[in-house]
Protein backbone atom coordinates (compact mmCIF):
# COMPACT_ATOMS: atom_id res chain seq x y z
CA ARG A 1 47.07 73.12 81.74
CA ARG A 2 44.67 74.61 84.25
CA ALA A 3 47.32 76.88 85.72
CA ALA A 4 48.07 78.23 82.24
CA TRP A 5 44.36 78.75 81.61
CA GLN A 6 43.95 80.54 84.95
CA GLU A 7 46.85 82.85 84.08
CA MET A 8 45.39 83.59 80.64
CA PHE A 9 41.93 84.20 82.17
CA ALA A 10 43.35 86.60 84.77
CA GLY A 11 45.18 88.50 82.03
CA GLN A 12 42.00 88.82 79.97
CA ALA A 13 40.08 90.00 83.04
CA ALA A 14 42.74 92.66 83.74
CA ARG A 15 42.50 93.91 80.14
CA LEU A 16 38.71 94.01 80.44
CA ALA A 17 38.95 96.02 83.67
CA GLU A 18 41.32 98.51 82.01
CA HIS A 19 39.01 98.85 79.01
CA CYS A 20 35.98 99.42 81.24
CA GLY A 21 37.96 102.01 83.20
CA ARG A 22 38.75 103.91 80.00
CA ILE A 23 35.09 103.83 78.93
CA THR A 24 33.99 105.06 82.36
CA ALA A 25 36.54 107.90 82.33
CA LYS A 26 35.44 108.94 78.85
CA GLU A 27 31.79 108.97 79.92
CA ALA A 28 32.66 110.97 83.05
CA GLY A 29 34.31 113.59 80.83
CA LYS A 30 31.23 113.80 78.61
CA ARG A 31 28.94 114.16 81.61
CA GLU A 32 31.14 116.91 83.05
CA ALA A 33 31.00 118.84 79.77
CA VAL A 34 27.19 118.58 79.67
CA ARG A 35 26.97 119.58 83.33
CA ARG A 36 29.04 122.72 82.71
CA GLN A 37 26.75 123.72 79.87
CA LEU A 38 23.53 123.01 81.77
CA GLU A 39 24.52 124.69 85.03
CA ARG A 40 24.74 128.01 83.19
CA HIS A 41 21.05 127.76 82.36
CA LEU A 42 19.49 125.59 85.08
CA PRO A 43 19.63 125.73 88.87
CA LEU A 44 21.91 123.20 90.56
CA GLU A 45 19.00 121.80 92.58
CA LEU A 46 17.15 120.89 89.39
CA LEU A 47 20.22 119.15 87.97
CA VAL A 48 20.58 117.13 91.18
CA LYS A 49 16.90 116.11 91.25
CA ALA A 50 17.02 115.17 87.57
CA GLY A 51 20.00 112.88 88.28
CA LEU A 52 22.23 114.75 85.87
CA LEU A 53 25.11 115.05 88.34
CA GLN A 54 25.54 111.33 88.96
CA GLU A 55 28.83 109.64 88.20
CA PRO A 56 28.81 106.93 85.54
CA PRO A 57 28.59 103.38 86.90
CA HIS A 58 31.83 101.58 87.60
CA CYS A 59 32.59 98.09 86.45
CA THR A 60 34.15 95.65 88.89
CA VAL A 61 36.03 92.72 87.42
CA SER A 62 37.13 89.93 89.72
CA VAL A 63 38.83 86.63 89.11
CA PRO A 64 37.99 83.67 91.32
CA PRO A 65 40.87 82.14 93.25
CA SER A 66 43.00 79.67 91.37
CA ASP A 67 42.46 75.96 91.58
CA ALA A 68 45.01 75.68 94.39
CA PHE A 69 43.59 72.35 95.54
CA LEU A 70 44.62 70.67 92.28
CA LEU A 71 47.74 68.56 92.17
CA PRO A 72 50.59 70.09 90.17
CA VAL A 73 50.22 67.66 87.24
CA THR A 74 51.96 68.45 83.97
CA PRO A 75 51.08 67.19 80.48
CA ALA A 76 54.20 64.98 80.68
CA ASP A 77 52.79 63.37 83.84
CA VAL A 78 49.53 62.63 82.02
CA ALA A 79 51.45 61.10 79.09
CA ARG A 80 53.28 58.75 81.52
CA LEU A 81 50.04 57.68 83.24
CA PRO A 82 49.09 54.69 81.00
CA ALA A 83 52.54 53.11 81.44
CA ALA A 84 52.40 53.68 85.21
CA ILE A 85 48.95 52.05 85.40
CA HIS A 86 50.20 49.08 83.38
CA GLN A 87 53.24 48.66 85.65
CA ALA A 88 51.07 48.87 88.76
CA ALA A 89 48.68 46.24 87.37
CA GLU A 90 51.60 43.89 86.58
CA ALA A 91 53.06 44.39 90.06
CA ALA A 92 49.68 43.71 91.67
CA ALA A 93 49.22 40.58 89.57
CA ALA A 94 52.71 39.33 90.49
CA ALA A 95 52.09 40.02 94.16
CA ALA A 96 48.75 38.20 94.01
CA ALA A 97 50.36 35.22 92.30
CA GLY A 98 53.07 35.08 94.99
CA THR A 99 50.47 35.32 97.77
CA SER A 100 48.29 32.54 96.34
CA GLN A 101 51.30 30.19 96.10
CA SER A 102 52.33 30.84 99.71
CA VAL A 103 48.76 30.39 100.99
CA ALA A 104 48.38 27.06 99.18
CA GLY A 105 51.67 25.89 100.67
CA PRO A 106 54.17 23.48 99.15
CA SER A 107 52.73 20.47 97.34
């Protein structure tokens, strides 16, 4: 379940990064158009000091590493867990009963 979630999360993060990249590129185009208009009327030094030649900010999207330390447990494994616990408890009880008889010795 977690592996599937991690894969879905990574896919969503990749789509977000692509979307942010498109927004940044669109804004860069708008800023370039404004710069071309302004540089005809204003000195370049003034545009630089006013901060009008800066690139738009970039968005960085990162996904933390997967839960590699988790055991590879499937939903089917989880469904079998109650029966496995019950079997282990019965085996432990049988072993304890056999041990207590051998410790007491024959009567």
